């Protein structure tokens, strides 16, 4: 199979978590062997391991020209739909508070990629609407020589094609849960709206306290946030309350586990090629551990003949 890019430009606008600014994303077709890269007025950064650094709750791509935060969900979506080459232009539509901070020289130059559940689902639909263009160069796929990883993230070679991921999570009050996904567009689209668990707060923390803290947590992004119950999963005090607000996938529970799977796919996308014959087991792995495992074992991957 040959490499693919999107057939037409896709434009999306949504809010980012940290400062509540609206952000415009423009995804455009790109030439063969270009890969995925993010761009703004300052410069561009390729979506590769050597440009990735772990942030507290996400992954950032950076070089001497530009920095892009929260890239993993968007990368996961492009990976699953088989998009090898694309340009992603990022334009912040600044809030009043951000404009004031910028005037005083206090605003950040980090561009934040919106990763809200509704946007992820919308992106899946837009990719399906515009379709993909097959390009002239052959796509290269990666296989794994032997099992790699640690107790939090383990990758194993398997006989079947493609990529499968099992995620185990454990949060109070619901306890340990495990979910599995055979990675493909149809399956991924169904879980694309899975929310992240707000593990920064204890279960039952009053919402108004969360809102106040969210507004001032990242002051150089602006005084605001994109933090709502539709965008994040706020852990309640009881298991019954947890089940009442949890989204259901494939007729089953496990929303937080499916969100974890999306995060892991986003990290794997930084290898720059699709994986074949690989099974992933993740147990409480975070972005920092994801990047460490992939960097330490990058030579264990080889190109499929």
C-alpha atoms as a PDB file:
ATOM      1  CA  UNK A   1       0.000   0.000   0.000  1.00  0.00           C
ATOM      2  CA  UNK A   2       1.177   3.532  -0.743  1.00  0.00           C
ATOM      3  CA  UNK A   3       1.339   6.552   1.520  1.00  0.00           C
ATOM      4  CA  UNK A   4      -1.786   8.663   2.012  1.00  0.00           C
ATOM      5  CA  UNK A   5      -2.727  12.260   2.730  1.00  0.00           C
ATOM      6  CA  UNK A   6      -6.086  13.977   3.142  1.00  0.00           C
ATOM      7  CA  UNK A   7      -7.814  14.877  -0.109  1.00  0.00           C
ATOM      8  CA  UNK A   8      -8.938  18.364   0.965  1.00  0.00           C
ATOM      9  CA  UNK A   9      -8.208  20.911   3.653  1.00  0.00           C
ATOM     10  CA  UNK A  10     -10.022  20.500   6.983  1.00  0.00           C
ATOM     11  CA  UNK A  11     -10.678  23.434   9.347  1.00  0.00           C
ATOM     12  CA  UNK A  12     -11.705  23.040  12.990  1.00  0.00           C
ATOM     13  CA  UNK A  13     -12.125  25.520  15.854  1.00  0.00           C
ATOM     14  CA  UNK A  14     -12.424  24.638  19.534  1.00  0.00           C
ATOM     15  CA  UNK A  15     -11.283  25.741  22.993  1.00  0.00           C
ATOM     16  CA  UNK A  16      -8.088  24.587  24.644  1.00  0.00           C
ATOM     17  CA  UNK A  17      -7.993  23.496  28.268  1.00  0.00           C
ATOM     18  CA  UNK A  18      -5.283  25.668  29.775  1.00  0.00           C
ATOM     19  CA  UNK A  19      -6.347  29.254  29.052  1.00  0.00           C
ATOM     20  CA  UNK A  20      -9.706  28.757  27.422  1.00  0.00           C
ATOM     21  CA  UNK A  21      -8.561  30.422  24.189  1.00  0.00           C
ATOM     22  CA  UNK A  22     -10.186  29.301  20.981  1.00  0.00           C
ATOM     23  CA  UNK A  23      -7.776  27.672  18.551  1.00  0.00           C
ATOM     24  CA  UNK A  24      -8.166  27.212  14.805  1.00  0.00           C
ATOM     25  CA  UNK A  25      -6.665  24.071  13.305  1.00  0.00           C
ATOM     26  CA  UNK A  26      -6.171  23.793   9.559  1.00  0.00           C
ATOM     27  CA  UNK A  27      -5.168  20.351   8.274  1.00  0.00           C
ATOM     28  CA  UNK A  28      -3.840  20.379   4.713  1.00  0.00           C
ATOM     29  CA  UNK A  29      -2.519  17.741   2.306  1.00  0.00           C
ATOM     30  CA  UNK A  30       1.258  17.277   2.273  1.00  0.00           C
ATOM     31  CA  UNK A  31       3.737  15.693  -0.157  1.00  0.00           C
ATOM     32  CA  UNK A  32       5.092  12.158   0.051  1.00  0.00           C
ATOM     33  CA  UNK A  33       7.633  11.469   2.778  1.00  0.00           C
ATOM     34  CA  UNK A  34       6.785  14.751   4.512  1.00  0.00           C
ATOM     35  CA  UNK A  35       5.226  13.117   7.568  1.00  0.00           C
ATOM     36  CA  UNK A  36       3.004  14.948  10.010  1.00  0.00           C
ATOM     37  CA  UNK A  37       4.088  18.401  11.143  1.00  0.00           C
ATOM     38  CA  UNK A  38       2.643  21.302  13.107  1.00  0.00           C
ATOM     39  CA  UNK A  39       3.157  24.893  11.985  1.00  0.00           C
ATOM     40  CA  UNK A  40       2.472  28.456  13.117  1.00  0.00           C
ATOM     41  CA  UNK A  41       3.874  31.897  12.312  1.00  0.00           C
ATOM     42  CA  UNK A  42       7.107  31.130  14.167  1.00  0.00           C
ATOM     43  CA  UNK A  43       7.972  27.872  12.439  1.00  0.00           C
ATOM     44  CA  UNK A  44       7.136  24.199  12.202  1.00  0.00           C
ATOM     45  CA  UNK A  45       7.871  21.011  14.150  1.00  0.00           C
ATOM     46  CA  UNK A  46       7.724  17.412  12.899  1.00  0.00           C
ATOM     47  CA  UNK A  47       5.723  14.887  14.875  1.00  0.00           C
ATOM     48  CA  UNK A  48       8.675  12.652  15.714  1.00  0.00           C
ATOM     49  CA  UNK A  49      10.185  11.244  18.894  1.00  0.00           C
ATOM     50  CA  UNK A  50      13.264  13.454  18.738  1.00  0.00           C
ATOM     51  CA  UNK A  51      11.041  16.569  18.959  1.00  0.00           C
ATOM     52  CA  UNK A  52       8.770  15.259  21.739  1.00  0.00           C
ATOM     53  CA  UNK A  53       8.993  16.077  25.436  1.00  0.00           C
ATOM     54  CA  UNK A  54       6.556  15.047  28.179  1.00  0.00           C
ATOM     55  CA  UNK A  55       4.532  17.803  29.788  1.00  0.00           C
ATOM     56  CA  UNK A  56       2.713  17.228  33.077  1.00  0.00           C
ATOM     57  CA  UNK A  57      -0.456  15.905  31.475  1.00  0.00           C
ATOM     58  CA  UNK A  58       0.342  15.686  27.770  1.00  0.00           C
ATOM     59  CA  UNK A  59       3.058  15.629  25.096  1.00  0.00           C
ATOM     60  CA  UNK A  60       4.732  18.702  23.616  1.00  0.00           C
ATOM     61  CA  UNK A  61       6.537  18.933  20.291  1.00  0.00           C
ATOM     62  CA  UNK A  62       9.236  21.575  20.179  1.00  0.00           C
ATOM     63  CA  UNK A  63      12.341  22.891  18.461  1.00  0.00           C
ATOM     64  CA  UNK A  64      14.127  26.233  18.451  1.00  0.00           C
ATOM     65  CA  UNK A  65      11.299  27.836  16.465  1.00  0.00           C
ATOM     66  CA  UNK A  66       7.985  26.696  17.930  1.00  0.00           C
ATOM     67  CA  UNK A  67       6.251  24.647  20.626  1.00  0.00           C
ATOM     68  CA  UNK A  68       2.964  22.719  20.388  1.00  0.00           C
ATOM     69  CA  UNK A  69       1.308  21.187  23.443  1.00  0.00           C
ATOM     70  CA  UNK A  70      -1.350  18.480  23.762  1.00  0.00           C
ATOM     71  CA  UNK A  71      -0.634  16.860  20.394  1.00  0.00           C
ATOM     72  CA  UNK A  72      -1.266  13.206  21.245  1.00  0.00           C
ATOM     73  CA  UNK A  73      -5.008  12.991  20.525  1.00  0.00           C
ATOM     74  CA  UNK A  74      -4.755  14.614  17.125  1.00  0.00           C
ATOM     75  CA  UNK A  75      -1.818  12.389  16.231  1.00  0.00           C
ATOM     76  CA  UNK A  76      -3.759   9.319  17.338  1.00  0.00           C
ATOM     77  CA  UNK A  77      -6.631  10.191  15.001  1.00  0.00           C
ATOM     78  CA  UNK A  78      -4.339  10.729  12.000  1.00  0.00           C
ATOM     79  CA  UNK A  79      -2.494   7.484  12.757  1.00  0.00           C
ATOM     80  CA  UNK A  80      -5.654   5.391  12.956  1.00  0.00           C
ATOM     81  CA  UNK A  81      -7.004   6.767   9.672  1.00  0.00           C
ATOM     82  CA  UNK A  82      -3.757   5.931   7.891  1.00  0.00           C
ATOM     83  CA  UNK A  83      -2.687   9.510   7.165  1.00  0.00           C
ATOM     84  CA  UNK A  84       1.056   9.513   6.565  1.00  0.00           C
ATOM     85  CA  UNK A  85       1.551  13.119   5.454  1.00  0.00           C
ATOM     86  CA  UNK A  86      -0.252  16.273   6.592  1.00  0.00           C
ATOM     87  CA  UNK A  87       0.404  19.884   7.570  1.00  0.00           C
ATOM     88  CA  UNK A  88      -1.389  21.156  10.678  1.00  0.00           C
ATOM     89  CA  UNK A  89      -1.498  24.929  11.009  1.00  0.00           C
ATOM     90  CA  UNK A  90      -2.305  26.187  14.489  1.00  0.00           C
ATOM     91  CA  UNK A  91      -3.694  29.673  15.105  1.00  0.00           C
ATOM     92  CA  UNK A  92      -4.645  30.870  18.567  1.00  0.00           C
ATOM     93  CA  UNK A  93      -7.686  33.160  18.645  1.00  0.00           C
ATOM     94  CA  UNK A  94      -6.685  34.959  21.851  1.00  0.00           C
ATOM     95  CA  UNK A  95      -9.043  35.858  24.662  1.00  0.00           C
ATOM     96  CA  UNK A  96      -8.982  39.356  26.141  1.00  0.00           C
ATOM     97  CA  UNK A  97      -6.956  38.153  29.132  1.00  0.00           C
ATOM     98  CA  UNK A  98      -4.373  36.569  26.822  1.00  0.00           C
ATOM     99  CA  UNK A  99      -4.120  39.797  24.805  1.00  0.00           C
ATOM    100  CA  UNK A 100      -3.465  41.758  27.999  1.00  0.00           C
ATOM    101  CA  UNK A 101      -0.847  39.272  29.161  1.00  0.00           C
ATOM    102  CA  UNK A 102       0.779  39.392  25.746  1.00  0.00           C
ATOM    103  CA  UNK A 103       0.890  43.203  25.832  1.00  0.00           C
ATOM    104  CA  UNK A 104       2.820  43.000  29.130  1.00  0.00           C
ATOM    105  CA  UNK A 105       5.099  40.271  27.749  1.00  0.00           C
ATOM    106  CA  UNK A 106       3.715  37.643  30.150  1.00  0.00           C
ATOM    107  CA  UNK A 107       1.874  35.371  27.706  1.00  0.00           C
ATOM    108  CA  UNK A 108       3.273  32.009  26.626  1.00  0.00           C
ATOM    109  CA  UNK A 109       4.352  31.261  23.075  1.00  0.00           C
ATOM    110  CA  UNK A 110       3.243  27.623  23.446  1.00  0.00           C
ATOM    111  CA  UNK A 111       0.419  26.734  21.086  1.00  0.00           C
ATOM    112  CA  UNK A 112      -2.143  24.379  22.634  1.00  0.00           C
ATOM    113  CA  UNK A 113      -3.928  21.827  20.467  1.00  0.00           C
ATOM    114  CA  UNK A 114      -7.584  21.441  21.502  1.00  0.00           C
ATOM    115  CA  UNK A 115      -8.213  17.837  22.511  1.00  0.00           C
ATOM    116  CA  UNK A 116     -11.842  18.073  23.499  1.00  0.00           C
ATOM    117  CA  UNK A 117     -13.937  14.924  22.974  1.00  0.00           C
ATOM    118  CA  UNK A 118     -16.365  16.585  20.562  1.00  0.00           C
ATOM    119  CA  UNK A 119     -13.500  17.855  18.385  1.00  0.00           C
ATOM    120  CA  UNK A 120     -11.937  14.405  18.159  1.00  0.00           C
ATOM    121  CA  UNK A 121     -15.195  12.873  17.000  1.00  0.00           C
ATOM    122  CA  UNK A 122     -15.730  15.738  14.544  1.00  0.00           C
ATOM    123  CA  UNK A 123     -12.256  15.218  13.093  1.00  0.00           C
ATOM    124  CA  UNK A 124     -13.027  11.540  12.465  1.00  0.00           C
ATOM    125  CA  UNK A 125     -16.186  12.555  10.618  1.00  0.00           C
ATOM    126  CA  UNK A 126     -14.422  15.242   8.578  1.00  0.00           C
ATOM    127  CA  UNK A 127     -11.671  12.851   7.496  1.00  0.00           C
ATOM    128  CA  UNK A 128     -14.327  10.394   6.351  1.00  0.00           C
ATOM    129  CA  UNK A 129     -16.147  13.186   4.504  1.00  0.00           C
ATOM    130  CA  UNK A 130     -13.162  14.545   2.541  1.00  0.00           C
ATOM    131  CA  UNK A 131     -11.478  11.177   2.035  1.00  0.00           C
ATOM    132  CA  UNK A 132      -7.834  10.296   1.456  1.00  0.00           C
ATOM    133  CA  UNK A 133      -5.526  10.511  -1.557  1.00  0.00           C
ATOM    134  CA  UNK A 134      -3.124   7.679  -2.305  1.00  0.00           C
ATOM    135  CA  UNK A 135       0.342   8.970  -3.108  1.00  0.00           C
ATOM    136  CA  UNK A 136       3.149   7.611  -5.257  1.00  0.00           C
ATOM    137  CA  UNK A 137       5.548   6.382  -2.551  1.00  0.00           C
ATOM    138  CA  UNK A 138       5.136   3.068  -0.793  1.00  0.00           C
ATOM    139  CA  UNK A 139       4.136   3.121   2.859  1.00  0.00           C
ATOM    140  CA  UNK A 140       6.596   1.495   5.228  1.00  0.00           C
ATOM    141  CA  UNK A 141       5.352  -0.361   8.306  1.00  0.00           C
ATOM    142  CA  UNK A 142       7.206  -1.205  11.483  1.00  0.00           C
ATOM    143  CA  UNK A 143       7.386  -4.560  13.212  1.00  0.00           C
ATOM    144  CA  UNK A 144       8.917  -5.426  16.540  1.00  0.00           C
ATOM    145  CA  UNK A 145      11.882  -7.778  17.008  1.00  0.00           C
ATOM    146  CA  UNK A 146      11.044  -8.830  20.571  1.00  0.00           C
ATOM    147  CA  UNK A 147       9.118  -7.795  23.649  1.00  0.00           C
ATOM    148  CA  UNK A 148      10.077  -4.386  25.042  1.00  0.00           C
ATOM    149  CA  UNK A 149       8.976  -2.083  27.828  1.00  0.00           C
ATOM    150  CA  UNK A 150       8.532  -2.080  31.581  1.00  0.00           C
ATOM    151  CA  UNK A 151       5.854  -2.855  34.158  1.00  0.00           C
ATOM    152  CA  UNK A 152       3.761   0.137  33.014  1.00  0.00           C
ATOM    153  CA  UNK A 153       4.028  -0.232  29.244  1.00  0.00           C
ATOM    154  CA  UNK A 154       4.841  -3.451  27.396  1.00  0.00           C
ATOM    155  CA  UNK A 155       4.938  -3.969  23.606  1.00  0.00           C
ATOM    156  CA  UNK A 156       5.021  -7.491  22.203  1.00  0.00           C
ATOM    157  CA  UNK A 157       5.284  -8.941  18.670  1.00  0.00           C
ATOM    158  CA  UNK A 158       2.252 -11.045  17.715  1.00  0.00           C
ATOM    159  CA  UNK A 159       1.194 -13.149  14.739  1.00  0.00           C
ATOM    160  CA  UNK A 160      -1.805 -11.088  13.653  1.00  0.00           C
ATOM    161  CA  UNK A 161      -1.603  -7.901  11.606  1.00  0.00           C
ATOM    162  CA  UNK A 162      -2.160  -4.394  12.891  1.00  0.00           C
ATOM    163  CA  UNK A 163      -2.139  -3.033  16.433  1.00  0.00           C
ATOM    164  CA  UNK A 164      -4.048  -4.044  19.556  1.00  0.00           C
ATOM    165  CA  UNK A 165      -3.943  -2.270  22.913  1.00  0.00           C
ATOM    166  CA  UNK A 166      -5.147  -3.301  26.349  1.00  0.00           C
ATOM    167  CA  UNK A 167      -5.309  -0.637  29.055  1.00  0.00           C
ATOM    168  CA  UNK A 168      -5.650  -1.225  32.780  1.00  0.00           C
ATOM    169  CA  UNK A 169      -6.676   1.657  35.032  1.00  0.00           C
ATOM    170  CA  UNK A 170      -7.407   1.962  38.731  1.00  0.00           C
ATOM    171  CA  UNK A 171      -9.166   4.973  40.213  1.00  0.00           C
ATOM    172  CA  UNK A 172     -11.170   5.397  43.392  1.00  0.00           C
ATOM    173  CA  UNK A 173     -13.999   4.626  43.835  1.00  0.00           C
ATOM    174  CA  UNK A 174     -14.495   2.367  40.797  1.00  0.00           C
ATOM    175  CA  UNK A 175     -11.317   0.303  41.231  1.00  0.00           C
ATOM    176  CA  UNK A 176      -9.299  -1.624  38.651  1.00  0.00           C
ATOM    177  CA  UNK A 177     -10.689  -1.972  35.126  1.00  0.00           C
ATOM    178  CA  UNK A 178      -9.308  -3.311  31.859  1.00  0.00           C
ATOM    179  CA  UNK A 179     -10.389  -2.594  28.273  1.00  0.00           C
ATOM    180  CA  UNK A 180      -9.027  -3.675  24.890  1.00  0.00           C
ATOM    181  CA  UNK A 181      -9.156  -2.188  21.402  1.00  0.00           C
ATOM    182  CA  UNK A 182      -8.299  -3.629  18.004  1.00  0.00           C
ATOM    183  CA  UNK A 183      -7.079  -0.372  16.479  1.00  0.00           C
ATOM    184  CA  UNK A 184      -8.935   0.678  13.338  1.00  0.00           C
ATOM    185  CA  UNK A 185     -10.991   3.663  12.131  1.00  0.00           C
ATOM    186  CA  UNK A 186     -14.403   2.239  12.984  1.00  0.00           C
ATOM    187  CA  UNK A 187     -13.437   1.114  16.480  1.00  0.00           C
ATOM    188  CA  UNK A 188     -11.441   4.255  17.187  1.00  0.00           C
ATOM    189  CA  UNK A 189     -14.236   6.580  16.102  1.00  0.00           C
ATOM    190  CA  UNK A 190     -16.542   4.967  18.659  1.00  0.00           C
ATOM    191  CA  UNK A 191     -14.141   5.738  21.535  1.00  0.00           C
ATOM    192  CA  UNK A 192     -12.826   9.085  20.233  1.00  0.00           C
ATOM    193  CA  UNK A 193     -15.028  11.065  22.640  1.00  0.00           C
ATOM    194  CA  UNK A 194     -13.706   9.277  25.747  1.00  0.00           C
ATOM    195  CA  UNK A 195     -12.835  11.856  28.402  1.00  0.00           C
ATOM    196  CA  UNK A 196      -9.742  12.081  30.570  1.00  0.00           C
ATOM    197  CA  UNK A 197     -10.133  11.555  34.314  1.00  0.00           C
ATOM    198  CA  UNK A 198      -9.379  14.676  36.378  1.00  0.00           C
ATOM    199  CA  UNK A 199      -7.054  12.894  38.766  1.00  0.00           C
ATOM    200  CA  UNK A 200      -5.673  16.187  40.080  1.00  0.00           C
ATOM    201  CA  UNK A 201      -8.682  16.471  42.401  1.00  0.00           C
ATOM    202  CA  UNK A 202      -9.997  14.136  45.075  1.00  0.00           C
ATOM    203  CA  UNK A 203     -13.332  12.442  44.312  1.00  0.00           C
ATOM    204  CA  UNK A 204     -16.217  14.670  45.346  1.00  0.00           C
ATOM    205  CA  UNK A 205     -14.328  17.975  45.169  1.00  0.00           C
ATOM    206  CA  UNK A 206     -16.915  20.766  44.655  1.00  0.00           C
ATOM    207  CA  UNK A 207     -17.181  21.931  41.049  1.00  0.00           C
ATOM    208  CA  UNK A 208     -16.831  25.627  41.856  1.00  0.00           C
ATOM    209  CA  UNK A 209     -13.470  24.972  43.531  1.00  0.00           C
ATOM    210  CA  UNK A 210     -12.292  23.064  40.446  1.00  0.00           C
ATOM    211  CA  UNK A 211     -13.378  25.931  38.197  1.00  0.00           C
ATOM    212  CA  UNK A 212     -11.548  28.544  40.265  1.00  0.00           C
ATOM    213  CA  UNK A 213      -8.357  26.509  40.386  1.00  0.00           C
ATOM    214  CA  UNK A 214      -8.552  25.735  36.655  1.00  0.00           C
ATOM    215  CA  UNK A 215      -8.831  29.455  35.838  1.00  0.00           C
ATOM    216  CA  UNK A 216      -5.603  30.356  37.635  1.00  0.00           C
ATOM    217  CA  UNK A 217      -3.598  27.142  37.173  1.00  0.00           C
ATOM    218  CA  UNK A 218      -1.811  28.323  34.006  1.00  0.00           C
ATOM    219  CA  UNK A 219      -1.846  32.141  34.159  1.00  0.00           C
ATOM    220  CA  UNK A 220       0.431  32.705  31.164  1.00  0.00           C
ATOM    221  CA  UNK A 221      -2.159  31.000  28.915  1.00  0.00           C
ATOM    222  CA  UNK A 222      -4.858  33.481  29.931  1.00  0.00           C
ATOM    223  CA  UNK A 223      -7.311  33.707  32.799  1.00  0.00           C
ATOM    224  CA  UNK A 224      -9.800  31.058  31.773  1.00  0.00           C
ATOM    225  CA  UNK A 225     -10.087  27.386  30.902  1.00  0.00           C
ATOM    226  CA  UNK A 226     -11.859  24.884  28.674  1.00  0.00           C
ATOM    227  CA  UNK A 227     -12.702  22.673  31.608  1.00  0.00           C
ATOM    228  CA  UNK A 228     -16.298  21.310  31.680  1.00  0.00           C
ATOM    229  CA  UNK A 229     -17.988  18.047  32.580  1.00  0.00           C
ATOM    230  CA  UNK A 230     -18.566  17.409  28.870  1.00  0.00           C
ATOM    231  CA  UNK A 231     -14.806  17.592  28.254  1.00  0.00           C
ATOM    232  CA  UNK A 232     -13.353  15.817  31.293  1.00  0.00           C
ATOM    233  CA  UNK A 233     -14.468  13.079  33.654  1.00  0.00           C
ATOM    234  CA  UNK A 234     -14.728  14.409  37.186  1.00  0.00           C
ATOM    235  CA  UNK A 235     -14.447  11.529  39.704  1.00  0.00           C
ATOM    236  CA  UNK A 236     -17.346  11.377  42.172  1.00  0.00           C
ATOM    237  CA  UNK A 237     -17.365   9.906  45.657  1.00  0.00           C
ATOM    238  CA  UNK A 238     -19.242   6.666  44.943  1.00  0.00           C
ATOM    239  CA  UNK A 239     -19.136   3.879  42.380  1.00  0.00           C
ATOM    240  CA  UNK A 240     -22.822   4.397  41.579  1.00  0.00           C
ATOM    241  CA  UNK A 241     -22.247   8.080  40.741  1.00  0.00           C
ATOM    242  CA  UNK A 242     -19.234   7.110  38.632  1.00  0.00           C
ATOM    243  CA  UNK A 243     -21.352   4.711  36.580  1.00  0.00           C
ATOM    244  CA  UNK A 244     -24.123   7.273  36.146  1.00  0.00           C
ATOM    245  CA  UNK A 245     -21.874   9.839  34.457  1.00  0.00           C
ATOM    246  CA  UNK A 246     -19.570   7.451  32.588  1.00  0.00           C
ATOM    247  CA  UNK A 247     -19.905   7.162  28.822  1.00  0.00           C
ATOM    248  CA  UNK A 248     -20.498   3.622  27.589  1.00  0.00           C
ATOM    249  CA  UNK A 249     -18.525   2.085  24.681  1.00  0.00           C
ATOM    250  CA  UNK A 250     -19.225  -1.160  22.832  1.00  0.00           C
ATOM    251  CA  UNK A 251     -22.038  -1.692  25.336  1.00  0.00           C
ATOM    252  CA  UNK A 252     -19.491  -1.753  28.160  1.00  0.00           C
ATOM    253  CA  UNK A 253     -18.009   0.536  30.792  1.00  0.00           C
ATOM    254  CA  UNK A 254     -14.401   1.681  30.857  1.00  0.00           C
ATOM    255  CA  UNK A 255     -14.361   5.245  29.501  1.00  0.00           C
ATOM    256  CA  UNK A 256     -11.120   6.171  31.265  1.00  0.00           C
ATOM    257  CA  UNK A 257      -9.413   3.063  29.914  1.00  0.00           C
ATOM    258  CA  UNK A 258     -10.393   3.945  26.363  1.00  0.00           C
ATOM    259  CA  UNK A 259      -9.069   7.469  26.833  1.00  0.00           C
ATOM    260  CA  UNK A 260      -5.815   5.896  28.005  1.00  0.00           C
ATOM    261  CA  UNK A 261      -5.683   3.884  24.777  1.00  0.00           C
ATOM    262  CA  UNK A 262      -6.031   7.093  22.727  1.00  0.00           C
ATOM    263  CA  UNK A 263      -3.083   8.583  24.629  1.00  0.00           C
ATOM    264  CA  UNK A 264      -0.931   5.534  23.919  1.00  0.00           C
ATOM    265  CA  UNK A 265      -1.768   5.573  20.189  1.00  0.00           C
ATOM    266  CA  UNK A 266      -0.713   9.228  20.091  1.00  0.00           C
ATOM    267  CA  UNK A 267       2.665   8.338  21.563  1.00  0.00           C
ATOM    268  CA  UNK A 268       3.157   5.427  19.143  1.00  0.00           C
ATOM    269  CA  UNK A 269       2.391   7.760  16.228  1.00  0.00           C
ATOM    270  CA  UNK A 270       5.632   9.594  17.046  1.00  0.00           C
ATOM    271  CA  UNK A 271       7.556   6.626  15.625  1.00  0.00           C
ATOM    272  CA  UNK A 272       6.557   8.066  12.250  1.00  0.00           C
ATOM    273  CA  UNK A 273       5.263   4.811  10.764  1.00  0.00           C
ATOM    274  CA  UNK A 274       2.305   2.507  11.345  1.00  0.00           C
ATOM    275  CA  UNK A 275       2.842  -0.639  13.408  1.00  0.00           C
ATOM    276  CA  UNK A 276       1.969  -4.151  12.335  1.00  0.00           C
ATOM    277  CA  UNK A 277       1.856  -7.289  14.449  1.00  0.00           C
ATOM    278  CA  UNK A 278       2.170  -5.457  17.771  1.00  0.00           C
ATOM    279  CA  UNK A 279       0.185  -5.832  20.996  1.00  0.00           C
ATOM    280  CA  UNK A 280       0.456  -3.197  23.729  1.00  0.00           C
ATOM    281  CA  UNK A 281      -0.272  -3.671  27.425  1.00  0.00           C
ATOM    282  CA  UNK A 282      -0.418  -0.450  29.422  1.00  0.00           C
ATOM    283  CA  UNK A 283      -0.912  -0.349  33.170  1.00  0.00           C
ATOM    284  CA  UNK A 284      -0.903   3.197  34.538  1.00  0.00           C
ATOM    285  CA  UNK A 285       1.651   4.399  31.995  1.00  0.00           C
ATOM    286  CA  UNK A 286       1.850   8.161  31.535  1.00  0.00           C
ATOM    287  CA  UNK A 287       3.279  10.326  28.765  1.00  0.00           C
ATOM    288  CA  UNK A 288       6.740  10.459  30.337  1.00  0.00           C
ATOM    289  CA  UNK A 289       6.964   6.677  30.544  1.00  0.00           C
ATOM    290  CA  UNK A 290       5.589   6.272  26.994  1.00  0.00           C
ATOM    291  CA  UNK A 291       8.339   8.430  25.518  1.00  0.00           C
ATOM    292  CA  UNK A 292      11.052   6.809  27.625  1.00  0.00           C
ATOM    293  CA  UNK A 293      10.081   3.273  26.548  1.00  0.00           C
ATOM    294  CA  UNK A 294       9.942   4.219  22.863  1.00  0.00           C
ATOM    295  CA  UNK A 295      13.250   6.118  22.934  1.00  0.00           C
ATOM    296  CA  UNK A 296      15.108   3.392  24.796  1.00  0.00           C
ATOM    297  CA  UNK A 297      13.861   0.707  22.387  1.00  0.00           C
ATOM    298  CA  UNK A 298      13.615   2.518  19.055  1.00  0.00           C
ATOM    299  CA  UNK A 299      16.217   0.188  17.527  1.00  0.00           C
ATOM    300  CA  UNK A 300      14.028  -2.815  18.319  1.00  0.00           C
ATOM    301  CA  UNK A 301      11.621  -1.822  15.520  1.00  0.00           C
ATOM    302  CA  UNK A 302      12.356  -2.828  11.930  1.00  0.00           C
ATOM    303  CA  UNK A 303      10.736  -2.187   8.577  1.00  0.00           C
ATOM    304  CA  UNK A 304       8.448  -4.858   7.213  1.00  0.00           C
ATOM    305  CA  UNK A 305       9.596  -6.355   3.919  1.00  0.00           C
END
